[in-house]
Amino acid sequence: MTQVVTQGLLLVGATMTLLAAVGVVRLPDLFMRMQAVSKAAAMGVGCTFLGVAVHFQDADGTSRALLTVAFFFITVPISAQVIARTALVTGVPMIAVVDELRAHEAELDEAEEGVHE
C-alpha cells in the first residue's frame, strides 16, 4: 500500500512540474508565466517530497521532507509577489484587461491631493 501511495504522489508531483514547464513555454507574458511556475512547481515539489516522506518512513527523512515542503510553501508565494511587483514597477508589459494595482494607486493619489488642499 505504501508503494502505491508513493508512486501516486510522485506521479502527481511530476505532472504538476511538467505543467509548470508547459506554462513557462506557452503563456504570453511574465506575470502569467510566473503564476504557472509558482503554483504548479510548488505543488509539484510538495507532492514529490511528500512521496519521499511516505517512501522512507523514518523520522529523519520524513522531517526533512516536510521541512522542505514547508520551506517551499512559505518562500515561493513571497518571492513570486516580490518579482511581480518589481516587474510591474519597472514597466514590464502586461497582457491584462484590468490593472487593479495602478487603479488603486491612482485612487490613493487622488485622496492624498484632497487632503493636502
N, C-alpha and C. Protein backbone atom coordinates (compact mmCIF):
# COMPACT_ATOMS: atom_id res chain seq x y z
N MET A 1 0.82 -1.20 0.00
CA MET A 1 0.00 0.00 0.00
C MET A 1 0.86 1.26 0.00
N THR A 2 1.95 1.25 0.76
CA THR A 2 2.85 2.40 0.82
C THR A 2 3.46 2.70 -0.54
N GLN A 3 3.77 1.63 -1.27
CA GLN A 3 4.37 1.82 -2.59
C GLN A 3 3.40 2.49 -3.55
N VAL A 4 2.12 2.16 -3.47
CA VAL A 4 1.11 2.75 -4.34
C VAL A 4 0.95 4.25 -4.02
N VAL A 5 0.91 4.58 -2.74
CA VAL A 5 0.79 5.98 -2.34
C VAL A 5 2.01 6.78 -2.79
N THR A 6 3.18 6.20 -2.60
CA THR A 6 4.42 6.86 -3.03
C THR A 6 4.41 7.09 -4.53
N GLN A 7 4.05 6.08 -5.29
CA GLN A 7 4.02 6.23 -6.74
C GLN A 7 2.99 7.27 -7.18
N GLY A 8 1.85 7.29 -6.51
CA GLY A 8 0.82 8.28 -6.84
C GLY A 8 1.29 9.70 -6.57
N LEU A 9 1.90 9.92 -5.41
CA LEU A 9 2.41 11.25 -5.09
C LEU A 9 3.52 11.68 -6.04
N LEU A 10 4.41 10.76 -6.38
CA LEU A 10 5.48 11.09 -7.31
C LEU A 10 4.92 11.39 -8.70
N LEU A 11 3.90 10.66 -9.12
CA LEU A 11 3.28 10.90 -10.42
C LEU A 11 2.59 12.27 -10.44
N VAL A 12 1.86 12.59 -9.39
CA VAL A 12 1.21 13.89 -9.31
C VAL A 12 2.25 15.01 -9.28
N GLY A 13 3.32 14.83 -8.52
CA GLY A 13 4.38 15.83 -8.46
C GLY A 13 5.05 16.04 -9.80
N ALA A 14 5.34 14.96 -10.50
CA ALA A 14 5.96 15.08 -11.82
C ALA A 14 5.02 15.74 -12.82
N THR A 15 3.73 15.43 -12.74
CA THR A 15 2.75 16.03 -13.63
C THR A 15 2.62 17.53 -13.38
N MET A 16 2.58 17.92 -12.12
CA MET A 16 2.48 19.34 -11.80
C MET A 16 3.74 20.09 -12.25
N THR A 17 4.89 19.49 -12.10
CA THR A 17 6.13 20.12 -12.55
C THR A 17 6.15 20.24 -14.06
N LEU A 18 5.66 19.22 -14.76
CA LEU A 18 5.55 19.29 -16.22
C LEU A 18 4.60 20.40 -16.65
N LEU A 19 3.47 20.54 -15.95
CA LEU A 19 2.53 21.61 -16.27
C LEU A 19 3.16 22.98 -16.04
N ALA A 20 3.99 23.11 -15.04
CA ALA A 20 4.70 24.37 -14.80
C ALA A 20 5.62 24.68 -15.97
N ALA A 21 6.33 23.68 -16.46
CA ALA A 21 7.23 23.88 -17.59
C ALA A 21 6.45 24.24 -18.86
N VAL A 22 5.32 23.60 -19.08
CA VAL A 22 4.49 23.93 -20.24
C VAL A 22 3.95 25.35 -20.11
N GLY A 23 3.59 25.76 -18.90
CA GLY A 23 3.12 27.11 -18.68
C GLY A 23 4.17 28.16 -19.00
N VAL A 24 5.42 27.87 -18.68
CA VAL A 24 6.50 28.80 -18.99
C VAL A 24 6.65 28.95 -20.50
N VAL A 25 6.49 27.89 -21.23
CA VAL A 25 6.67 27.93 -22.68
C VAL A 25 5.45 28.55 -23.37
N ARG A 26 4.25 28.22 -22.92
CA ARG A 26 3.04 28.58 -23.65
C ARG A 26 2.40 29.91 -23.27
N LEU A 27 2.55 30.36 -22.06
CA LEU A 27 1.85 31.57 -21.62
C LEU A 27 2.52 32.83 -22.18
N PRO A 28 1.73 33.88 -22.44
CA PRO A 28 2.24 35.01 -23.22
C PRO A 28 3.10 36.03 -22.49
N ASP A 29 2.87 36.30 -21.22
CA ASP A 29 3.68 37.34 -20.58
C ASP A 29 4.27 36.86 -19.25
N LEU A 30 5.13 37.70 -18.71
CA LEU A 30 5.88 37.34 -17.50
C LEU A 30 4.97 37.01 -16.33
N PHE A 31 3.91 37.77 -16.16
CA PHE A 31 3.05 37.60 -15.00
C PHE A 31 2.29 36.28 -15.04
N MET A 32 1.81 35.90 -16.21
CA MET A 32 1.12 34.61 -16.34
C MET A 32 2.10 33.45 -16.19
N ARG A 33 3.27 33.60 -16.75
CA ARG A 33 4.29 32.55 -16.62
C ARG A 33 4.69 32.36 -15.17
N MET A 34 4.85 33.47 -14.48
CA MET A 34 5.24 33.39 -13.08
C MET A 34 4.17 32.72 -12.24
N GLN A 35 2.91 32.96 -12.56
CA GLN A 35 1.84 32.31 -11.82
C GLN A 35 1.88 30.80 -12.03
N ALA A 36 2.09 30.39 -13.28
CA ALA A 36 2.17 28.96 -13.57
C ALA A 36 3.33 28.31 -12.82
N VAL A 37 4.45 28.97 -12.85
CA VAL A 37 5.63 28.40 -12.20
C VAL A 37 5.45 28.36 -10.69
N SER A 38 4.97 29.43 -10.11
CA SER A 38 4.91 29.48 -8.64
C SER A 38 3.88 28.49 -8.09
N LYS A 39 2.74 28.39 -8.71
CA LYS A 39 1.71 27.49 -8.18
C LYS A 39 2.00 26.02 -8.51
N ALA A 40 2.21 25.75 -9.78
CA ALA A 40 2.38 24.35 -10.19
C ALA A 40 3.70 23.76 -9.70
N ALA A 41 4.75 24.52 -9.74
CA ALA A 41 6.04 23.98 -9.28
C ALA A 41 6.03 23.75 -7.77
N ALA A 42 5.41 24.66 -7.03
CA ALA A 42 5.34 24.46 -5.58
C ALA A 42 4.52 23.21 -5.26
N MET A 43 3.42 23.02 -5.95
CA MET A 43 2.62 21.82 -5.71
C MET A 43 3.37 20.56 -6.17
N GLY A 44 4.10 20.67 -7.28
CA GLY A 44 4.86 19.54 -7.76
C GLY A 44 5.96 19.13 -6.79
N VAL A 45 6.69 20.11 -6.30
CA VAL A 45 7.74 19.82 -5.32
C VAL A 45 7.13 19.29 -4.03
N GLY A 46 6.00 19.87 -3.63
CA GLY A 46 5.33 19.40 -2.41
C GLY A 46 4.91 17.95 -2.51
N CYS A 47 4.27 17.58 -3.62
CA CYS A 47 3.84 16.19 -3.78
C CYS A 47 5.04 15.24 -3.89
N THR A 48 6.09 15.68 -4.58
CA THR A 48 7.27 14.84 -4.71
C THR A 48 7.91 14.56 -3.36
N PHE A 49 8.07 15.60 -2.55
CA PHE A 49 8.69 15.40 -1.25
C PHE A 49 7.77 14.66 -0.28
N LEU A 50 6.47 14.82 -0.42
CA LEU A 50 5.56 14.01 0.39
C LEU A 50 5.68 12.54 -0.01
N GLY A 51 5.87 12.27 -1.29
CA GLY A 51 6.12 10.90 -1.74
C GLY A 51 7.40 10.34 -1.14
N VAL A 52 8.42 11.18 -1.06
CA VAL A 52 9.68 10.76 -0.43
C VAL A 52 9.46 10.45 1.05
N ALA A 53 8.68 11.30 1.73
CA ALA A 53 8.41 11.08 3.16
C ALA A 53 7.65 9.77 3.38
N VAL A 54 6.68 9.49 2.51
CA VAL A 54 5.90 8.25 2.65
C VAL A 54 6.79 7.04 2.34
N HIS A 55 7.66 7.17 1.38
CA HIS A 55 8.50 6.04 0.98
C HIS A 55 9.50 5.65 2.08
N PHE A 56 10.20 6.62 2.65
CA PHE A 56 11.25 6.29 3.61
C PHE A 56 10.73 6.00 5.01
N GLN A 57 9.70 6.62 5.44
CA GLN A 57 9.02 6.33 6.70
C GLN A 57 9.94 6.27 7.92
N ASP A 58 10.97 7.07 7.93
CA ASP A 58 11.76 7.20 9.15
C ASP A 58 11.69 8.66 9.59
N ALA A 59 11.96 8.90 10.84
CA ALA A 59 11.78 10.25 11.40
C ALA A 59 12.68 11.28 10.72
N ASP A 60 13.91 10.88 10.42
CA ASP A 60 14.85 11.81 9.83
C ASP A 60 14.43 12.21 8.42
N GLY A 61 14.16 11.24 7.58
CA GLY A 61 13.76 11.51 6.20
C GLY A 61 12.43 12.24 6.11
N THR A 62 11.47 11.83 6.93
CA THR A 62 10.15 12.46 6.91
C THR A 62 10.23 13.90 7.38
N SER A 63 10.99 14.15 8.44
CA SER A 63 11.08 15.52 8.94
C SER A 63 11.77 16.43 7.93
N ARG A 64 12.82 15.93 7.28
CA ARG A 64 13.50 16.73 6.25
C ARG A 64 12.57 17.02 5.07
N ALA A 65 11.83 16.02 4.65
CA ALA A 65 10.90 16.21 3.53
C ALA A 65 9.80 17.21 3.89
N LEU A 66 9.25 17.11 5.08
CA LEU A 66 8.19 18.03 5.50
C LEU A 66 8.72 19.45 5.70
N LEU A 67 9.92 19.58 6.20
CA LEU A 67 10.53 20.91 6.33
C LEU A 67 10.79 21.53 4.96
N THR A 68 11.20 20.70 4.00
CA THR A 68 11.41 21.21 2.64
C THR A 68 10.10 21.68 2.03
N VAL A 69 9.04 20.92 2.21
CA VAL A 69 7.72 21.31 1.70
C VAL A 69 7.27 22.61 2.37
N ALA A 70 7.43 22.72 3.66
CA ALA A 70 7.05 23.95 4.37
C ALA A 70 7.87 25.14 3.87
N PHE A 71 9.16 24.93 3.66
CA PHE A 71 10.02 25.99 3.15
C PHE A 71 9.53 26.46 1.77
N PHE A 72 9.22 25.53 0.90
CA PHE A 72 8.72 25.89 -0.44
C PHE A 72 7.41 26.64 -0.35
N PHE A 73 6.48 26.16 0.46
CA PHE A 73 5.17 26.80 0.55
C PHE A 73 5.24 28.18 1.18
N ILE A 74 6.27 28.44 1.97
CA ILE A 74 6.43 29.77 2.56
C ILE A 74 7.15 30.71 1.59
N THR A 75 8.20 30.25 0.95
CA THR A 75 9.04 31.14 0.16
C THR A 75 8.55 31.38 -1.26
N VAL A 76 7.93 30.42 -1.89
CA VAL A 76 7.52 30.58 -3.30
C VAL A 76 6.50 31.70 -3.48
N PRO A 77 5.42 31.78 -2.70
CA PRO A 77 4.48 32.89 -2.91
C PRO A 77 5.10 34.26 -2.62
N ILE A 78 5.96 34.33 -1.62
CA ILE A 78 6.59 35.61 -1.30
C ILE A 78 7.52 36.06 -2.42
N SER A 79 8.34 35.14 -2.91
CA SER A 79 9.26 35.51 -3.98
C SER A 79 8.51 35.84 -5.27
N ALA A 80 7.43 35.14 -5.56
CA ALA A 80 6.64 35.44 -6.76
C ALA A 80 6.01 36.83 -6.66
N GLN A 81 5.54 37.19 -5.47
CA GLN A 81 4.94 38.51 -5.29
C GLN A 81 5.99 39.60 -5.44
N VAL A 82 7.16 39.40 -4.90
CA VAL A 82 8.21 40.40 -5.00
C VAL A 82 8.66 40.57 -6.45
N ILE A 83 8.81 39.48 -7.17
CA ILE A 83 9.22 39.56 -8.57
C ILE A 83 8.14 40.24 -9.40
N ALA A 84 6.87 39.91 -9.16
CA ALA A 84 5.77 40.52 -9.91
C ALA A 84 5.70 42.02 -9.63
N ARG A 85 5.85 42.40 -8.40
CA ARG A 85 5.79 43.82 -8.03
C ARG A 85 6.94 44.58 -8.69
N THR A 86 8.13 44.00 -8.68
CA THR A 86 9.29 44.64 -9.30
C THR A 86 9.09 44.76 -10.81
N ALA A 87 8.56 43.71 -11.43
CA ALA A 87 8.32 43.76 -12.87
C ALA A 87 7.28 44.81 -13.21
N LEU A 88 6.26 44.95 -12.40
CA LEU A 88 5.22 45.94 -12.65
C LEU A 88 5.77 47.36 -12.50
N VAL A 89 6.59 47.58 -11.48
CA VAL A 89 7.14 48.91 -11.23
C VAL A 89 8.14 49.30 -12.33
N THR A 90 8.91 48.34 -12.83
CA THR A 90 9.90 48.66 -13.86
C THR A 90 9.30 48.75 -15.25
N GLY A 91 8.02 48.42 -15.39
CA GLY A 91 7.35 48.62 -16.67
C GLY A 91 7.35 47.44 -17.61
N VAL A 92 7.45 46.25 -17.11
CA VAL A 92 7.35 45.07 -17.96
C VAL A 92 5.94 45.02 -18.55
N PRO A 93 5.81 44.86 -19.86
CA PRO A 93 4.47 44.87 -20.46
C PRO A 93 3.59 43.73 -19.94
N MET A 94 2.32 44.07 -19.71
CA MET A 94 1.37 43.11 -19.17
C MET A 94 0.22 42.94 -20.17
N ILE A 95 -0.15 41.70 -20.41
CA ILE A 95 -1.30 41.41 -21.26
C ILE A 95 -2.46 41.12 -20.34
N ALA A 96 -3.09 42.18 -19.84
CA ALA A 96 -4.20 42.02 -18.92
C ALA A 96 -5.26 43.06 -19.25
N VAL A 97 -6.47 42.75 -18.94
CA VAL A 97 -7.56 43.65 -19.22
C VAL A 97 -7.61 44.77 -18.18
N VAL A 98 -7.41 44.43 -16.92
CA VAL A 98 -7.51 45.40 -15.84
C VAL A 98 -6.24 45.34 -15.00
N ASP A 99 -5.69 46.50 -14.72
CA ASP A 99 -4.54 46.59 -13.83
C ASP A 99 -5.04 47.18 -12.52
N GLU A 100 -5.41 46.33 -11.58
CA GLU A 100 -6.03 46.78 -10.33
C GLU A 100 -5.06 47.56 -9.45
N LEU A 101 -3.79 47.23 -9.53
CA LEU A 101 -2.82 47.93 -8.69
C LEU A 101 -2.69 49.39 -9.11
N ARG A 102 -2.60 49.65 -10.41
CA ARG A 102 -2.49 51.03 -10.88
C ARG A 102 -3.76 51.82 -10.54
N ALA A 103 -4.94 51.20 -10.67
CA ALA A 103 -6.19 51.88 -10.32
C ALA A 103 -6.21 52.22 -8.84
N HIS A 104 -5.75 51.30 -8.00
CA HIS A 104 -5.71 51.55 -6.56
C HIS A 104 -4.73 52.67 -6.22
N GLU A 105 -3.58 52.68 -6.87
CA GLU A 105 -2.61 53.74 -6.64
C GLU A 105 -3.14 55.09 -7.09
N ALA A 106 -3.89 55.13 -8.19
CA ALA A 106 -4.48 56.38 -8.65
C ALA A 106 -5.51 56.90 -7.65
N GLU A 107 -6.30 56.00 -7.07
CA GLU A 107 -7.27 56.41 -6.05
C GLU A 107 -6.56 56.97 -4.82
N LEU A 108 -5.46 56.35 -4.41
CA LEU A 108 -4.70 56.84 -3.26
C LEU A 108 -4.10 58.22 -3.54
N ASP A 109 -3.60 58.40 -4.78
CA ASP A 109 -3.04 59.71 -5.13
C ASP A 109 -4.11 60.79 -5.10
N GLU A 110 -5.31 60.49 -5.60
CA GLU A 110 -6.40 61.46 -5.57
C GLU A 110 -6.80 61.79 -4.14
N ALA A 111 -6.82 60.79 -3.28
CA ALA A 111 -7.18 61.02 -1.88
C ALA A 111 -6.14 61.88 -1.19
N GLU A 112 -4.86 61.68 -1.50
CA GLU A 112 -3.80 62.49 -0.91
C GLU A 112 -3.89 63.93 -1.36
N GLU A 113 -4.21 64.15 -2.62
CA GLU A 113 -4.35 65.51 -3.15
C GLU A 113 -5.50 66.23 -2.47
N GLY A 114 -6.58 65.51 -2.18
CA GLY A 114 -7.72 66.10 -1.49
C GLY A 114 -7.39 66.49 -0.07
N VAL A 115 -6.52 65.76 0.58
CA VAL A 115 -6.14 66.04 1.97
C VAL A 115 -5.22 67.26 2.03
N HIS A 116 -4.33 67.40 1.07
CA HIS A 116 -3.36 68.49 1.09
C HIS A 116 -3.95 69.82 0.67
N GLU A 117 -5.11 69.84 0.07
CA GLU A 117 -5.70 71.11 -0.39
C GLU A 117 -6.45 71.83 0.67
